[in-house]
PDB file of N, CA and C in Angstrom:
ATOM      1  N   UNK A   1       0.812  -1.200  -0.003  1.00  0.00           N
ATOM      2  CA  UNK A   1       0.002  -0.005  -0.002  1.00  0.00           C
ATOM      3  C   UNK A   1       0.857   1.260   0.007  1.00  0.00           C
ATOM      4  N   UNK A   2       2.006   1.258   0.686  1.00  0.00           N
ATOM      5  CA  UNK A   2       2.843   2.468   0.717  1.00  0.00           C
ATOM      6  C   UNK A   2       3.315   2.872  -0.677  1.00  0.00           C
ATOM      7  N   UNK A   3       3.636   1.872  -1.512  1.00  0.00           N
ATOM      8  CA  UNK A   3       4.079   2.183  -2.879  1.00  0.00           C
ATOM      9  C   UNK A   3       2.953   2.800  -3.683  1.00  0.00           C
ATOM     10  N   UNK A   4       1.763   2.303  -3.560  1.00  0.00           N
ATOM     11  CA  UNK A   4       0.624   2.886  -4.275  1.00  0.00           C
ATOM     12  C   UNK A   4       0.314   4.291  -3.777  1.00  0.00           C
ATOM     13  N   UNK A   5       0.347   4.464  -2.478  1.00  0.00           N
ATOM     14  CA  UNK A   5       0.018   5.754  -1.876  1.00  0.00           C
ATOM     15  C   UNK A   5       1.042   6.830  -2.264  1.00  0.00           C
ATOM     16  N   UNK A   6       2.323   6.472  -2.266  1.00  0.00           N
ATOM     17  CA  UNK A   6       3.364   7.450  -2.516  1.00  0.00           C
ATOM     18  C   UNK A   6       3.777   7.534  -3.980  1.00  0.00           C
ATOM     19  N   UNK A   7       3.571   6.467  -4.746  1.00  0.00           N
ATOM     20  CA  UNK A   7       4.070   6.423  -6.105  1.00  0.00           C
ATOM     21  C   UNK A   7       5.558   6.172  -6.167  1.00  0.00           C
ATOM     22  N   UNK A   8       6.146   5.764  -5.063  1.00  0.00           N
ATOM     23  CA  UNK A   8       7.588   5.561  -4.969  1.00  0.00           C
ATOM     24  C   UNK A   8       7.929   4.092  -4.729  1.00  0.00           C
ATOM     25  N   UNK A   9       9.136   3.705  -5.149  1.00  0.00           N
ATOM     26  CA  UNK A   9       9.608   2.357  -4.919  1.00  0.00           C
ATOM     27  C   UNK A   9       9.759   2.083  -3.434  1.00  0.00           C
ATOM     28  N   UNK A  10      10.270   3.056  -2.711  1.00  0.00           N
ATOM     29  CA  UNK A  10      10.414   2.948  -1.263  1.00  0.00           C
ATOM     30  C   UNK A  10       9.944   4.250  -0.614  1.00  0.00           C
ATOM     31  N   UNK A  11       9.636   4.161   0.672  1.00  0.00           N
ATOM     32  CA  UNK A  11       9.183   5.322   1.409  1.00  0.00           C
ATOM     33  C   UNK A  11       9.926   5.365   2.748  1.00  0.00           C
ATOM     34  N   UNK A  12      10.349   6.556   3.121  1.00  0.00           N
ATOM     35  CA  UNK A  12      11.007   6.727   4.424  1.00  0.00           C
ATOM     36  C   UNK A  12      10.105   7.577   5.296  1.00  0.00           C
ATOM     37  N   UNK A  13       9.872   7.107   6.513  1.00  0.00           N
ATOM     38  CA  UNK A  13       9.008   7.840   7.429  1.00  0.00           C
ATOM     39  C   UNK A  13       9.561   7.788   8.838  1.00  0.00           C
ATOM     40  N   UNK A  14       9.030   8.661   9.668  1.00  0.00           N
ATOM     41  CA  UNK A  14       9.386   8.713  11.083  1.00  0.00           C
ATOM     42  C   UNK A  14       8.098   8.478  11.869  1.00  0.00           C
ATOM     43  N   UNK A  15       8.151   7.591  12.864  1.00  0.00           N
ATOM     44  CA  UNK A  15       6.962   7.295  13.656  1.00  0.00           C
ATOM     45  C   UNK A  15       6.994   8.071  14.961  1.00  0.00           C
ATOM     46  N   UNK A  16       5.828   8.579  15.333  1.00  0.00           N
ATOM     47  CA  UNK A  16       5.655   9.320  16.567  1.00  0.00           C
ATOM     48  C   UNK A  16       4.434   8.774  17.309  1.00  0.00           C
ATOM     49  N   UNK A  17       4.440   8.859  18.644  1.00  0.00           N
ATOM     50  CA  UNK A  17       3.218   8.541  19.385  1.00  0.00           C
ATOM     51  C   UNK A  17       2.122   9.531  18.951  1.00  0.00           C
ATOM     52  N   UNK A  18       0.934   9.036  18.733  1.00  0.00           N
ATOM     53  CA  UNK A  18      -0.160   9.867  18.248  1.00  0.00           C
ATOM     54  C   UNK A  18      -0.388  11.083  19.141  1.00  0.00           C
ATOM     55  N   UNK A  19      -0.235  10.925  20.447  1.00  0.00           N
ATOM     56  CA  UNK A  19      -0.462  12.034  21.393  1.00  0.00           C
ATOM     57  C   UNK A  19       0.577  13.162  21.279  1.00  0.00           C
ATOM     58  N   UNK A  20       1.727  12.881  20.616  1.00  0.00           N
ATOM     59  CA  UNK A  20       2.762  13.905  20.524  1.00  0.00           C
ATOM     60  C   UNK A  20       2.691  14.696  19.216  1.00  0.00           C
ATOM     61  N   UNK A  21       1.710  14.400  18.370  1.00  0.00           N
ATOM     62  CA  UNK A  21       1.576  15.088  17.082  1.00  0.00           C
ATOM     63  C   UNK A  21       0.423  16.091  17.164  1.00  0.00           C
ATOM     64  N   UNK A  22       0.707  17.333  16.792  1.00  0.00           N
ATOM     65  CA  UNK A  22      -0.317  18.381  16.744  1.00  0.00           C
ATOM     66  C   UNK A  22      -0.411  18.881  15.323  1.00  0.00           C
ATOM     67  N   UNK A  23      -1.581  18.887  14.753  1.00  0.00           N
ATOM     68  CA  UNK A  23      -1.798  19.379  13.396  1.00  0.00           C
ATOM     69  C   UNK A  23      -2.056  20.882  13.486  1.00  0.00           C
ATOM     70  N   UNK A  24      -1.066  21.674  13.091  1.00  0.00           N
ATOM     71  CA  UNK A  24      -1.140  23.126  13.295  1.00  0.00           C
ATOM     72  C   UNK A  24      -1.394  23.921  12.025  1.00  0.00           C
ATOM     73  N   UNK A  25      -1.493  23.298  10.893  1.00  0.00           N
ATOM     74  CA  UNK A  25      -1.741  24.017   9.641  1.00  0.00           C
ATOM     75  C   UNK A  25      -3.125  24.640   9.630  1.00  0.00           C
ATOM     76  N   UNK A  26      -3.361  25.537   8.686  1.00  0.00           N
ATOM     77  CA  UNK A  26      -4.625  26.278   8.653  1.00  0.00           C
ATOM     78  C   UNK A  26      -5.830  25.353   8.430  1.00  0.00           C
ATOM     79  N   UNK A  27      -5.626  24.192   7.823  1.00  0.00           N
ATOM     80  CA  UNK A  27      -6.726  23.253   7.598  1.00  0.00           C
ATOM     81  C   UNK A  27      -6.834  22.181   8.676  1.00  0.00           C
ATOM     82  N   UNK A  28      -5.993  22.260   9.694  1.00  0.00           N
ATOM     83  CA  UNK A  28      -6.044  21.266  10.775  1.00  0.00           C
ATOM     84  C   UNK A  28      -5.504  19.926  10.341  1.00  0.00           C
ATOM     85  N   UNK A  29      -6.109  18.857  10.813  1.00  0.00           N
ATOM     86  CA  UNK A  29      -5.662  17.504  10.498  1.00  0.00           C
ATOM     87  C   UNK A  29      -5.769  17.242   8.996  1.00  0.00           C
ATOM     88  N   UNK A  30      -4.895  16.386   8.479  1.00  0.00           N
ATOM     89  CA  UNK A  30      -4.957  16.066   7.046  1.00  0.00           C
ATOM     90  C   UNK A  30      -6.183  15.226   6.719  1.00  0.00           C
ATOM     91  N   UNK A  31      -6.500  15.163   5.440  1.00  0.00           N
ATOM     92  CA  UNK A  31      -7.552  14.252   4.980  1.00  0.00           C
ATOM     93  C   UNK A  31      -6.990  12.830   5.073  1.00  0.00           C
ATOM     94  N   UNK A  32      -7.865  11.849   5.200  1.00  0.00           N
ATOM     95  CA  UNK A  32      -7.413  10.467   5.322  1.00  0.00           C
ATOM     96  C   UNK A  32      -8.210   9.547   4.414  1.00  0.00           C
ATOM     97  N   UNK A  33      -7.594   8.442   4.070  1.00  0.00           N
ATOM     98  CA  UNK A  33      -8.222   7.383   3.324  1.00  0.00           C
ATOM     99  C   UNK A  33      -7.976   6.086   4.091  1.00  0.00           C
ATOM    100  N   UNK A  34      -9.037   5.359   4.425  1.00  0.00           N
ATOM    101  CA  UNK A  34      -8.918   4.117   5.178  1.00  0.00           C
ATOM    102  C   UNK A  34      -8.317   3.064   4.243  1.00  0.00           C
ATOM    103  N   UNK A  35      -7.062   2.673   4.491  1.00  0.00           N
ATOM    104  CA  UNK A  35      -6.347   1.789   3.585  1.00  0.00           C
ATOM    105  C   UNK A  35      -6.250   0.346   4.043  1.00  0.00           C
ATOM    106  N   UNK A  36      -6.543   0.104   5.310  1.00  0.00           N
ATOM    107  CA  UNK A  36      -6.486  -1.280   5.813  1.00  0.00           C
ATOM    108  C   UNK A  36      -7.346  -1.347   7.080  1.00  0.00           C
ATOM    109  N   UNK A  37      -7.360  -2.520   7.673  1.00  0.00           N
ATOM    110  CA  UNK A  37      -8.123  -2.693   8.915  1.00  0.00           C
ATOM    111  C   UNK A  37      -7.479  -1.969  10.104  1.00  0.00           C
ATOM    112  N   UNK A  38      -6.206  -1.560   9.970  1.00  0.00           N
ATOM    113  CA  UNK A  38      -5.490  -0.973  11.091  1.00  0.00           C
ATOM    114  C   UNK A  38      -4.916   0.421  10.840  1.00  0.00           C
ATOM    115  N   UNK A  39      -5.093   0.969   9.643  1.00  0.00           N
ATOM    116  CA  UNK A  39      -4.430   2.236   9.331  1.00  0.00           C
ATOM    117  C   UNK A  39      -5.172   3.043   8.272  1.00  0.00           C
ATOM    118  N   UNK A  40      -4.916   4.357   8.295  1.00  0.00           N
ATOM    119  CA  UNK A  40      -5.433   5.271   7.269  1.00  0.00           C
ATOM    120  C   UNK A  40      -4.254   6.035   6.690  1.00  0.00           C
ATOM    121  N   UNK A  41      -4.307   6.332   5.416  1.00  0.00           N
ATOM    122  CA  UNK A  41      -3.272   7.140   4.764  1.00  0.00           C
ATOM    123  C   UNK A  41      -3.673   8.594   4.870  1.00  0.00           C
ATOM    124  N   UNK A  42      -2.717   9.448   5.223  1.00  0.00           N
ATOM    125  CA  UNK A  42      -2.981  10.874   5.384  1.00  0.00           C
ATOM    126  C   UNK A  42      -2.457  11.623   4.165  1.00  0.00           C
ATOM    127  N   UNK A  43      -3.232  12.603   3.711  1.00  0.00           N
ATOM    128  CA  UNK A  43      -2.803  13.399   2.571  1.00  0.00           C
ATOM    129  C   UNK A  43      -3.299  14.833   2.716  1.00  0.00           C
ATOM    130  N   UNK A  44      -2.642  15.745   1.993  1.00  0.00           N
ATOM    131  CA  UNK A  44      -2.952  17.178   2.072  1.00  0.00           C
ATOM    132  C   UNK A  44      -4.320  17.456   1.474  1.00  0.00           C
ATOM    133  N   UNK A  45      -5.142  18.194   2.209  1.00  0.00           N
ATOM    134  CA  UNK A  45      -6.476  18.561   1.730  1.00  0.00           C
ATOM    135  C   UNK A  45      -6.402  19.503   0.534  1.00  0.00           C
ATOM    136  N   UNK A  46      -5.334  20.275   0.432  1.00  0.00           N
ATOM    137  CA  UNK A  46      -5.231  21.255  -0.667  1.00  0.00           C
ATOM    138  C   UNK A  46      -4.687  20.674  -1.960  1.00  0.00           C
ATOM    139  N   UNK A  47      -3.571  19.940  -1.882  1.00  0.00           N
ATOM    140  CA  UNK A  47      -2.921  19.466  -3.094  1.00  0.00           C
ATOM    141  C   UNK A  47      -2.995  17.946  -3.298  1.00  0.00           C
ATOM    142  N   UNK A  48      -3.386  17.198  -2.276  1.00  0.00           N
ATOM    143  CA  UNK A  48      -3.466  15.741  -2.399  1.00  0.00           C
ATOM    144  C   UNK A  48      -2.161  15.032  -2.137  1.00  0.00           C
ATOM    145  N   UNK A  49      -1.086  15.784  -1.801  1.00  0.00           N
ATOM    146  CA  UNK A  49       0.211  15.181  -1.547  1.00  0.00           C
ATOM    147  C   UNK A  49       0.200  14.275  -0.335  1.00  0.00           C
ATOM    148  N   UNK A  50       0.951  13.182  -0.425  1.00  0.00           N
ATOM    149  CA  UNK A  50       0.998  12.231   0.682  1.00  0.00           C
ATOM    150  C   UNK A  50       1.739  12.793   1.882  1.00  0.00           C
ATOM    151  N   UNK A  51       1.222  12.537   3.064  1.00  0.00           N
ATOM    152  CA  UNK A  51       1.823  13.015   4.322  1.00  0.00           C
ATOM    153  C   UNK A  51       2.325  11.840   5.142  1.00  0.00           C
ATOM    154  N   UNK A  52       1.602  10.735   5.148  1.00  0.00           N
ATOM    155  CA  UNK A  52       2.008   9.584   5.925  1.00  0.00           C
ATOM    156  C   UNK A  52       0.840   8.681   6.250  1.00  0.00           C
ATOM    157  N   UNK A  53       0.899   8.068   7.428  1.00  0.00           N
ATOM    158  CA  UNK A  53      -0.143   7.147   7.851  1.00  0.00           C
ATOM    159  C   UNK A  53      -0.516   7.427   9.302  1.00  0.00           C
ATOM    160  N   UNK A  54      -1.787   7.243   9.595  1.00  0.00           N
ATOM    161  CA  UNK A  54      -2.272   7.377  10.959  1.00  0.00           C
ATOM    162  C   UNK A  54      -2.853   6.022  11.336  1.00  0.00           C
ATOM    163  N   UNK A  55      -2.131   5.329  12.205  1.00  0.00           N
ATOM    164  CA  UNK A  55      -2.551   3.980  12.582  1.00  0.00           C
ATOM    165  C   UNK A  55      -3.593   4.030  13.697  1.00  0.00           C
ATOM    166  N   UNK A  56      -4.362   2.955  13.812  1.00  0.00           N
ATOM    167  CA  UNK A  56      -5.327   2.845  14.911  1.00  0.00           C
ATOM    168  C   UNK A  56      -4.589   2.724  16.233  1.00  0.00           C
ATOM    169  N   UNK A  57      -3.459   2.022  16.226  1.00  0.00           N
ATOM    170  CA  UNK A  57      -2.637   1.983  17.427  1.00  0.00           C
ATOM    171  C   UNK A  57      -2.056   3.384  17.585  1.00  0.00           C
ATOM    172  N   UNK A  58      -1.494   3.691  18.702  1.00  0.00           N
ATOM    173  CA  UNK A  58      -1.102   5.094  18.934  1.00  0.00           C
ATOM    174  C   UNK A  58       0.158   5.536  18.164  1.00  0.00           C
ATOM    175  N   UNK A  59       0.105   5.440  16.824  1.00  0.00           N
ATOM    176  CA  UNK A  59       1.261   5.809  16.018  1.00  0.00           C
ATOM    177  C   UNK A  59       0.844   6.657  14.829  1.00  0.00           C
ATOM    178  N   UNK A  60       1.651   7.707  14.578  1.00  0.00           N
ATOM    179  CA  UNK A  60       1.519   8.513  13.373  1.00  0.00           C
ATOM    180  C   UNK A  60       2.857   8.412  12.656  1.00  0.00           C
ATOM    181  N   UNK A  61       2.853   7.997  11.401  1.00  0.00           N
ATOM    182  CA  UNK A  61       4.065   7.874  10.607  1.00  0.00           C
ATOM    183  C   UNK A  61       4.060   8.983   9.563  1.00  0.00           C
ATOM    184  N   UNK A  62       5.035   9.888   9.662  1.00  0.00           N
ATOM    185  CA  UNK A  62       5.114  11.033   8.749  1.00  0.00           C
ATOM    186  C   UNK A  62       6.278  10.828   7.779  1.00  0.00           C
ATOM    187  N   UNK A  63       6.039  11.052   6.498  1.00  0.00           N
ATOM    188  CA  UNK A  63       7.088  10.899   5.499  1.00  0.00           C
ATOM    189  C   UNK A  63       8.185  11.931   5.716  1.00  0.00           C
ATOM    190  N   UNK A  64       9.419  11.557   5.437  1.00  0.00           N
ATOM    191  CA  UNK A  64      10.541  12.466   5.636  1.00  0.00           C
ATOM    192  C   UNK A  64      10.398  13.745   4.823  1.00  0.00           C
ATOM    193  N   UNK A  65       9.763  13.663   3.675  1.00  0.00           N
ATOM    194  CA  UNK A  65       9.601  14.811   2.805  1.00  0.00           C
ATOM    195  C   UNK A  65       8.723  15.919   3.381  1.00  0.00           C
ATOM    196  N   UNK A  66       7.971  15.654   4.428  1.00  0.00           N
ATOM    197  CA  UNK A  66       7.122  16.689   5.016  1.00  0.00           C
ATOM    198  C   UNK A  66       7.869  17.568   6.009  1.00  0.00           C
ATOM    199  N   UNK A  67       9.113  17.197   6.335  1.00  0.00           N
ATOM    200  CA  UNK A  67       9.907  17.984   7.272  1.00  0.00           C
ATOM    201  C   UNK A  67      10.715  19.056   6.518  1.00  0.00           C
ATOM    202  N   UNK A  68      10.906  20.214   7.156  1.00  0.00           N
ATOM    203  CA  UNK A  68      11.682  21.282   6.542  1.00  0.00           C
ATOM    204  C   UNK A  68      13.143  20.906   6.374  1.00  0.00           C
ATOM    205  N   UNK A  69      13.669  20.111   7.286  1.00  0.00           N
ATOM    206  CA  UNK A  69      15.084  19.727   7.243  1.00  0.00           C
ATOM    207  C   UNK A  69      15.193  18.218   7.377  1.00  0.00           C
ATOM    208  N   UNK A  70      14.908  17.452   6.301  1.00  0.00           N
ATOM    209  CA  UNK A  70      14.898  15.987   6.403  1.00  0.00           C
ATOM    210  C   UNK A  70      16.268  15.364   6.638  1.00  0.00           C
ATOM    211  N   UNK A  71      17.349  16.129   6.516  1.00  0.00           N
ATOM    212  CA  UNK A  71      18.676  15.589   6.753  1.00  0.00           C
ATOM    213  C   UNK A  71      19.094  15.539   8.212  1.00  0.00           C
ATOM    214  N   UNK A  72      18.225  15.953   9.111  1.00  0.00           N
ATOM    215  CA  UNK A  72      18.555  15.925  10.531  1.00  0.00           C
ATOM    216  C   UNK A  72      18.927  14.525  10.978  1.00  0.00           C
ATOM    217  N   UNK A  73      19.963  14.442  11.774  1.00  0.00           N
ATOM    218  CA  UNK A  73      20.439  13.151  12.294  1.00  0.00           C
ATOM    219  C   UNK A  73      19.322  12.422  13.059  1.00  0.00           C
ATOM    220  N   UNK A  74      18.479  13.178  13.757  1.00  0.00           N
ATOM    221  CA  UNK A  74      17.396  12.573  14.527  1.00  0.00           C
ATOM    222  C   UNK A  74      16.377  11.849  13.639  1.00  0.00           C
ATOM    223  N   UNK A  75      16.357  12.157  12.361  1.00  0.00           N
ATOM    224  CA  UNK A  75      15.406  11.529  11.439  1.00  0.00           C
ATOM    225  C   UNK A  75      16.019  10.364  10.675  1.00  0.00           C
ATOM    226  N   UNK A  76      17.238   9.967  11.033  1.00  0.00           N
ATOM    227  CA  UNK A  76      17.906   8.870  10.360  1.00  0.00           C
ATOM    228  C   UNK A  76      17.162   7.547  10.664  1.00  0.00           C
ATOM    229  N   UNK A  77      16.952   6.693   9.646  1.00  0.00           N
ATOM    230  CA  UNK A  77      16.238   5.425   9.873  1.00  0.00           C
ATOM    231  C   UNK A  77      16.942   4.552  10.920  1.00  0.00           C
ATOM    232  N   UNK A  78      16.116   3.885  11.721  1.00  0.00           N
ATOM    233  CA  UNK A  78      16.645   2.944  12.714  1.00  0.00           C
ATOM    234  C   UNK A  78      16.165   1.527  12.452  1.00  0.00           C
ATOM    235  N   UNK A  79      15.216   1.360  11.547  1.00  0.00           N
ATOM    236  CA  UNK A  79      14.733   0.027  11.195  1.00  0.00           C
ATOM    237  C   UNK A  79      14.150   0.062   9.788  1.00  0.00           C
ATOM    238  N   UNK A  80      13.941  -1.116   9.222  1.00  0.00           N
ATOM    239  CA  UNK A  80      13.433  -1.229   7.867  1.00  0.00           C
ATOM    240  C   UNK A  80      12.330  -2.274   7.823  1.00  0.00           C
ATOM    241  N   UNK A  81      11.314  -2.046   7.014  1.00  0.00           N
ATOM    242  CA  UNK A  81      10.221  -2.994   6.856  1.00  0.00           C
ATOM    243  C   UNK A  81      10.224  -3.557   5.439  1.00  0.00           C
ATOM    244  N   UNK A  82       9.643  -4.706   5.263  1.00  0.00           N
ATOM    245  CA  UNK A  82       9.426  -5.327   3.953  1.00  0.00           C
ATOM    246  C   UNK A  82      10.730  -5.490   3.165  1.00  0.00           C
ATOM    247  N   UNK A  83      11.806  -5.872   3.844  1.00  0.00           N
ATOM    248  CA  UNK A  83      13.091  -6.070   3.159  1.00  0.00           C
ATOM    249  C   UNK A  83      13.004  -7.126   2.064  1.00  0.00           C
ATOM    250  N   UNK A  84      12.155  -8.131   2.227  1.00  0.00           N
ATOM    251  CA  UNK A  84      12.051  -9.191   1.232  1.00  0.00           C
ATOM    252  C   UNK A  84      11.542  -8.671  -0.114  1.00  0.00           C
ATOM    253  N   UNK A  85      10.830  -7.553  -0.118  1.00  0.00           N
ATOM    254  CA  UNK A  85      10.301  -6.981  -1.349  1.00  0.00           C
ATOM    255  C   UNK A  85      11.239  -5.944  -1.968  1.00  0.00           C
ATOM    256  N   UNK A  86      12.376  -5.701  -1.324  1.00  0.00           N
ATOM    257  CA  UNK A  86      13.337  -4.716  -1.821  1.00  0.00           C
ATOM    258  C   UNK A  86      14.048  -5.253  -3.045  1.00  0.00           C
ATOM    259  N   UNK A  87      14.198  -4.467  -4.114  1.00  0.00           N
ATOM    260  CA  UNK A  87      14.942  -4.939  -5.292  1.00  0.00           C
ATOM    261  C   UNK A  87      16.370  -5.314  -4.904  1.00  0.00           C
ATOM    262  N   UNK A  88      16.940  -6.284  -5.562  1.00  0.00           N
ATOM    263  CA  UNK A  88      18.283  -6.757  -5.207  1.00  0.00           C
ATOM    264  C   UNK A  88      19.330  -5.667  -5.314  1.00  0.00           C
ATOM    265  N   UNK A  89      19.141  -4.760  -6.242  1.00  0.00           N
ATOM    266  CA  UNK A  89      20.121  -3.686  -6.438  1.00  0.00           C
ATOM    267  C   UNK A  89      19.999  -2.555  -5.420  1.00  0.00           C
ATOM    268  N   UNK A  90      18.928  -2.532  -4.638  1.00  0.00           N
ATOM    269  CA  UNK A  90      18.694  -1.462  -3.671  1.00  0.00           C
ATOM    270  C   UNK A  90      19.471  -1.790  -2.393  1.00  0.00           C
ATOM    271  N   UNK A  91      20.388  -0.918  -2.009  1.00  0.00           N
ATOM    272  CA  UNK A  91      21.191  -1.142  -0.823  1.00  0.00           C
ATOM    273  C   UNK A  91      20.805  -0.153   0.262  1.00  0.00           C
ATOM    274  N   UNK A  92      20.517  -0.678   1.441  1.00  0.00           N
ATOM    275  CA  UNK A  92      20.113   0.156   2.564  1.00  0.00           C
ATOM    276  C   UNK A  92      21.225   0.115   3.595  1.00  0.00           C
ATOM    277  N   UNK A  93      21.769   1.275   3.938  1.00  0.00           N
ATOM    278  CA  UNK A  93      22.838   1.369   4.926  1.00  0.00           C
ATOM    279  C   UNK A  93      22.233   1.273   6.322  1.00  0.00           C
ATOM    280  N   UNK A  94      22.550   0.227   7.026  1.00  0.00           N
ATOM    281  CA  UNK A  94      22.038   0.047   8.395  1.00  0.00           C
ATOM    282  C   UNK A  94      23.128   0.239   9.440  1.00  0.00           C
ATOM    283  N   UNK A  95      24.283   0.796   9.009  1.00  0.00           N
ATOM    284  CA  UNK A  95      25.404   0.932   9.936  1.00  0.00           C
ATOM    285  C   UNK A  95      25.243   2.075  10.924  1.00  0.00           C
ATOM    286  N   UNK A  96      24.348   3.038  10.614  1.00  0.00           N
ATOM    287  CA  UNK A  96      24.139   4.157  11.506  1.00  0.00           C
ATOM    288  C   UNK A  96      25.190   5.241  11.368  1.00  0.00           C
ATOM    289  N   UNK A  97      26.096   5.073  10.451  1.00  0.00           N
ATOM    290  CA  UNK A  97      27.157   6.083  10.223  1.00  0.00           C
ATOM    291  C   UNK A  97      26.678   7.173   9.324  1.00  0.00           C
TER     292      UNK A  97
END
């Protein structure tokens, strides 16, 4: 579902506890589409751009592209999902360097 939602081969996101996320834009919370039994995809009400996922469990996953400074060390990936579906030529650095 992430590939369909984003149009990308892979997606990088940061997960936050739902209670620590405040939607402060002029339109408030993003629009959502119920994509599974446990999660909804969030997107911009104005342009339709993907923002991330809002899970039923207390997690909000925001795509790195929604941050003003996505190169921050604090936003570096710490885990990876769906590795079995990763193309053989795609290399993911898990060294933390």
